[in-house]
Amino acid sequence: MSIDFLDPATSAVFTPSGRLSRAIPTSGKLTGIELRLLPPFVKDNNTEPFFPFPGFSKLYCLTIVVSDIGNQLVGGIDLQGFPRIGDNEHLPINKTIFYWQQNETARQPPKQIHTMCSVIKCKKGLRDTGQILTSLKNDEEYKTLMGTVAGMASAGSPVGAALDIVTQVAGIVGRYLVDVEDKPVGTVINSFTDIRGDFDHEGVRKHALPTQKVDFEMEVIVRAQRPAAKPATRGLDSDQVEEAVEVQLQPLW
């Protein structure tokens, strides 16, 4: 039986919010977007300690990214294994999971980026994650889905279609992890879109995505075209000149 990543007891779907920084006039001004996954914090690893065992767990972390623009990183799916993780520990993950930088062949920025991140407990020994990913990428259903992703930009696909692809990819991964005899400890699905204005403000914005047992955090980094520098002028600008204060001088004799 494959893993159910979307069990309501362990999963959450978010619409992110955050403090806004400097506004970008139009999406056409964007020159780069980066999405980073910061270290997930495992509050409860689903393993009760009992003497003499300290309660460590073997955990996988699965990340899936789908966008209407090609991810300039290699692939949009990642799986890592961690052998000894206790309660109240961070997984040692701090990495870019989506990257787009404007160039001659990639002029248009993404309009939507959808992510799923899941921490999964493994009751058996950790398997070769590289081999699992290789098997996944040779899967015919997976290849078909990735072909659909490649055509999303030209087809103007709606957000719902992209989210369907995320859940379908998760289902395929679940089949290859069928021997992991446990439910995910925590799963989040999160979307960033231009309609919502997630790419309208330059700089770095962090998004906290908590679940009952695992707290996730993502970072969105947006760069835009810089305005042309003003020519240097002599003297001070008006906003650099403070109000004059009259000073009465006293004679020395």
Protein backbone atom coordinates (compact mmCIF):
# COMPACT_ATOMS: atom_id res chain seq x y z
CA MET A 1 0.00 0.00 0.00
CA SER A 2 1.46 3.37 -1.00
CA ILE A 3 1.94 6.27 1.39
CA ASP A 4 -0.89 8.75 1.86
CA PHE A 5 0.92 12.09 2.04
CA LEU A 6 -2.31 14.05 2.36
CA ASP A 7 -3.63 12.46 5.55
CA PRO A 8 -5.41 15.36 7.33
CA ALA A 9 -3.81 14.30 10.63
CA THR A 10 -0.31 15.13 9.38
CA SER A 11 -0.66 17.50 6.43
CA ALA A 12 -1.47 21.18 5.95
CA VAL A 13 -2.11 23.43 2.95
CA PHE A 14 -0.98 27.05 3.29
CA THR A 15 -1.54 30.43 1.73
CA PRO A 16 1.60 32.27 2.84
CA SER A 17 1.72 35.74 4.29
CA GLY A 18 4.62 37.92 5.28
CA ARG A 19 5.86 41.45 5.82
CA LEU A 20 6.18 43.29 2.54
CA SER A 21 9.38 44.95 1.41
CA ARG A 22 10.03 47.39 -1.43
CA ALA A 23 7.35 47.13 -4.12
CA ILE A 24 8.24 46.19 -7.70
CA PRO A 25 6.14 48.19 -10.22
CA THR A 26 5.45 45.28 -12.61
CA SER A 27 6.29 41.59 -12.89
CA GLY A 28 8.25 42.42 -16.05
CA LYS A 29 10.89 44.03 -13.83
CA LEU A 30 11.79 40.71 -12.20
CA THR A 31 15.28 39.36 -12.90
CA GLY A 32 15.48 36.47 -10.43
CA ILE A 33 13.44 34.30 -8.06
CA GLU A 34 14.85 31.76 -5.62
CA LEU A 35 12.95 29.49 -3.24
CA ARG A 36 14.83 27.93 -0.32
CA LEU A 37 13.86 25.21 2.14
CA LEU A 38 15.24 26.02 5.59
CA PRO A 39 15.93 23.28 8.19
CA PRO A 40 12.63 21.58 9.15
CA PHE A 41 12.17 21.35 12.93
CA VAL A 42 11.00 17.93 14.10
CA LYS A 43 9.01 18.49 17.30
CA ASP A 44 7.85 14.87 17.56
CA ASN A 45 9.45 12.08 15.52
CA ASN A 46 6.66 9.56 16.24
CA THR A 47 9.02 7.35 18.29
CA GLU A 48 8.56 6.88 22.03
CA PRO A 49 11.86 6.47 23.93
CA PHE A 50 12.18 3.50 26.27
CA PHE A 51 15.23 2.26 28.16
CA PRO A 52 17.86 1.77 26.82
CA PHE A 53 16.70 3.26 23.49
CA PRO A 54 16.74 7.09 23.25
CA GLY A 55 13.85 7.35 20.77
CA PHE A 56 15.68 8.25 17.56
CA SER A 57 13.94 7.82 14.19
CA LYS A 58 15.03 7.14 10.64
CA LEU A 59 13.44 9.89 8.56
CA TYR A 60 13.13 10.76 4.89
CA CYS A 61 12.49 14.30 3.63
CA LEU A 62 10.69 14.50 0.28
CA THR A 63 10.48 17.79 -1.65
CA ILE A 64 8.48 18.32 -4.86
CA VAL A 65 8.42 21.60 -6.84
CA VAL A 66 6.18 22.30 -9.85
CA SER A 67 6.13 25.60 -11.77
CA ASP A 68 4.99 26.99 -15.10
CA ILE A 69 8.63 27.92 -15.81
CA GLY A 70 11.45 25.39 -15.93
CA ASN A 71 13.40 25.08 -12.69
CA GLN A 72 17.00 26.01 -13.54
CA LEU A 73 18.16 23.52 -10.91
CA VAL A 74 18.53 19.86 -11.86
CA GLY A 75 15.06 18.36 -11.45
CA GLY A 76 12.09 19.37 -9.33
CA ILE A 77 12.08 16.50 -6.84
CA ASP A 78 14.45 15.58 -4.04
CA LEU A 79 14.59 12.79 -1.42
CA GLN A 80 17.06 12.64 1.47
CA GLY A 81 17.44 10.18 4.34
CA PHE A 82 18.53 10.87 7.93
CA PRO A 83 19.36 7.91 10.23
CA ARG A 84 19.19 9.29 13.81
CA ILE A 85 16.79 12.17 14.46
CA GLY A 86 15.30 12.80 17.90
CA ASP A 87 12.51 15.05 19.14
CA ASN A 88 13.13 18.81 18.97
CA GLU A 89 15.86 18.52 16.35
CA HIS A 90 16.32 20.23 12.99
CA LEU A 91 16.91 18.19 9.88
CA PRO A 92 20.24 19.33 8.38
CA ILE A 93 18.64 20.81 5.25
CA ASN A 94 19.21 24.33 3.99
CA LYS A 95 19.04 24.43 0.21
CA THR A 96 17.59 26.05 -2.89
CA ILE A 97 14.67 24.06 -4.30
CA PHE A 98 13.65 26.46 -7.10
CA TYR A 99 15.80 28.90 -9.06
CA TRP A 100 15.05 31.22 -11.98
CA GLN A 101 17.36 33.91 -13.29
CA GLN A 102 16.52 36.00 -16.33
CA ASN A 103 18.68 35.35 -19.38
CA GLU A 104 18.37 35.39 -23.17
CA THR A 105 16.44 32.10 -23.26
CA ALA A 106 14.39 32.66 -20.09
CA ARG A 107 12.89 36.13 -20.32
CA GLN A 108 9.55 35.60 -18.59
CA PRO A 109 9.41 35.03 -14.79
CA PRO A 110 7.26 32.27 -13.28
CA LYS A 111 3.62 33.02 -12.55
CA GLN A 112 3.16 30.12 -10.12
CA ILE A 113 5.41 27.87 -8.02
CA HIS A 114 3.89 24.99 -6.04
CA THR A 115 5.74 22.98 -3.42
CA MET A 116 5.16 19.92 -1.28
CA CYS A 117 7.49 18.94 1.54
CA SER A 118 7.01 15.84 3.66
CA VAL A 119 8.97 14.25 6.52
CA ILE A 120 8.41 10.47 6.56
CA LYS A 121 9.32 7.99 9.28
CA CYS A 122 10.99 4.74 8.24
CA LYS A 123 10.61 1.65 10.46
CA LYS A 124 13.11 -0.31 8.37
CA GLY A 125 16.63 0.68 7.42
CA LEU A 126 16.99 3.72 5.18
CA ARG A 127 17.10 2.78 1.52
CA ASP A 128 19.28 4.24 -1.23
CA THR A 129 17.49 7.51 -1.98
CA GLY A 130 19.50 7.96 -5.19
CA GLN A 131 18.21 4.64 -6.50
CA ILE A 132 14.63 5.56 -5.58
CA LEU A 133 14.93 8.83 -7.51
CA THR A 134 16.43 7.04 -10.51
CA SER A 135 13.56 4.54 -10.53
CA LEU A 136 11.07 7.38 -10.21
CA LYS A 137 12.50 9.31 -13.15
CA ASN A 138 12.30 6.18 -15.32
CA ASP A 139 8.64 5.69 -14.38
CA GLU A 140 6.41 6.19 -17.45
CA GLU A 141 3.64 7.91 -15.48
CA TYR A 142 6.19 10.29 -13.96
CA LYS A 143 7.62 11.08 -17.42
CA THR A 144 4.12 11.89 -18.66
CA LEU A 145 3.52 14.26 -15.76
CA MET A 146 6.84 16.02 -16.34
CA GLY A 147 5.87 16.46 -19.99
CA THR A 148 2.70 18.15 -18.79
CA VAL A 149 4.75 20.45 -16.56
CA ALA A 150 6.94 21.42 -19.52
CA GLY A 151 3.86 22.66 -21.38
CA MET A 152 2.34 24.60 -18.51
CA ALA A 153 3.78 27.99 -19.48
CA SER A 154 2.59 27.94 -23.08
CA ALA A 155 -0.80 26.51 -22.12
CA GLY A 156 -1.44 29.06 -19.37
CA SER A 157 -2.38 26.28 -16.99
CA PRO A 158 -4.57 27.17 -14.00
CA VAL A 159 -3.26 26.81 -10.45
CA GLY A 160 -5.49 23.81 -9.79
CA ALA A 161 -3.86 21.85 -12.61
CA ALA A 162 -0.40 22.38 -11.13
CA LEU A 163 -1.55 21.29 -7.67
CA ASP A 164 -3.03 18.14 -9.22
CA ILE A 165 0.40 17.37 -10.68
CA VAL A 166 2.01 17.79 -7.25
CA THR A 167 -0.38 15.30 -5.67
CA GLN A 168 0.01 12.85 -8.55
CA VAL A 169 3.82 12.97 -8.28
CA ALA A 170 3.51 12.41 -4.53
CA GLY A 171 1.38 9.34 -5.21
CA ILE A 172 4.03 7.89 -7.54
CA VAL A 173 6.77 8.50 -4.97
CA GLY A 174 4.58 6.79 -2.36
CA ARG A 175 4.55 3.64 -4.47
CA TYR A 176 8.36 3.52 -4.51
CA LEU A 177 8.43 4.03 -0.73
CA VAL A 178 5.86 1.29 -0.16
CA ASP A 179 8.14 -0.51 2.33
CA VAL A 180 8.23 2.51 4.63
CA GLU A 181 5.66 1.19 7.09
CA ASP A 182 4.47 4.45 8.53
CA LYS A 183 2.54 7.58 7.69
CA PRO A 184 4.37 10.86 7.12
CA VAL A 185 5.20 12.72 10.32
CA GLY A 186 4.33 16.06 8.69
CA THR A 187 3.49 17.35 5.21
CA VAL A 188 2.91 20.85 3.84
CA ILE A 189 1.65 22.02 0.45
CA ASN A 190 2.30 25.66 -0.33
CA SER A 191 1.76 27.84 -3.41
CA PHE A 192 3.34 31.12 -4.53
CA THR A 193 1.66 33.00 -7.40
CA ASP A 194 1.90 36.35 -9.16
CA ILE A 195 -1.86 36.87 -8.85
CA ARG A 196 -1.54 36.83 -5.08
CA GLY A 197 1.46 39.18 -5.26
CA ASP A 198 4.07 36.79 -3.86
CA PHE A 199 6.69 38.12 -6.31
CA ASP A 200 5.75 41.80 -6.10
CA HIS A 201 8.24 42.80 -3.40
CA GLU A 202 11.99 42.67 -3.67
CA GLY A 203 14.17 41.08 -1.03
CA VAL A 204 13.89 38.08 1.26
CA ARG A 205 10.64 36.94 2.86
CA LYS A 206 10.36 33.96 5.22
CA HIS A 207 7.23 31.83 5.49
CA ALA A 208 6.59 29.67 8.56
CA LEU A 209 4.57 26.53 7.75
CA PRO A 210 3.85 24.60 10.96
CA THR A 211 2.18 21.21 11.31
CA GLN A 212 1.40 19.28 14.46
CA LYS A 213 4.76 17.46 14.62
CA VAL A 214 7.05 19.22 12.14
CA ASP A 215 7.56 22.96 11.57
CA PHE A 216 8.63 23.87 8.03
CA GLU A 217 10.05 27.18 6.88
CA MET A 218 10.65 28.51 3.36
CA GLU A 219 12.40 31.59 2.08
CA VAL A 220 11.45 33.48 -1.08
CA ILE A 221 14.13 35.72 -2.59
CA VAL A 222 13.13 38.17 -5.35
CA ARG A 223 15.42 40.40 -7.41
CA ALA A 224 14.39 43.15 -9.83
CA GLN A 225 15.95 45.53 -12.31
CA ARG A 226 17.77 48.40 -10.65
CA PRO A 227 16.90 51.98 -11.67
CA ALA A 228 19.66 53.83 -13.49
CA ALA A 229 21.98 55.69 -11.15
CA LYS A 230 21.52 59.42 -10.98
CA PRO A 231 24.50 61.48 -12.18
CA ALA A 232 26.66 62.82 -9.37
CA THR A 233 26.07 66.48 -8.48
CA ARG A 234 27.94 68.92 -6.31
CA GLY A 235 26.50 70.05 -3.04
CA LEU A 236 23.90 68.43 -0.85
CA ASP A 237 20.40 67.26 -1.70
CA SER A 238 17.59 69.14 -0.01
CA ASP A 239 16.78 66.15 2.19
CA GLN A 240 20.37 66.11 3.46
CA VAL A 241 20.27 69.73 4.69
CA GLU A 242 19.05 70.18 8.24
CA GLU A 243 17.13 73.27 9.36
CA ALA A 244 19.45 76.19 10.17
CA VAL A 245 19.67 77.25 13.80
CA GLU A 246 20.53 80.85 14.77
CA VAL A 247 23.39 81.03 17.27
CA GLN A 248 24.11 84.16 19.33
CA LEU A 249 27.84 84.70 19.91
CA GLN A 250 29.00 86.31 23.14
CA PRO A 251 31.99 88.72 23.08
CA LEU A 252 35.15 87.41 24.75
CA TRP A 253 35.90 90.82 26.39
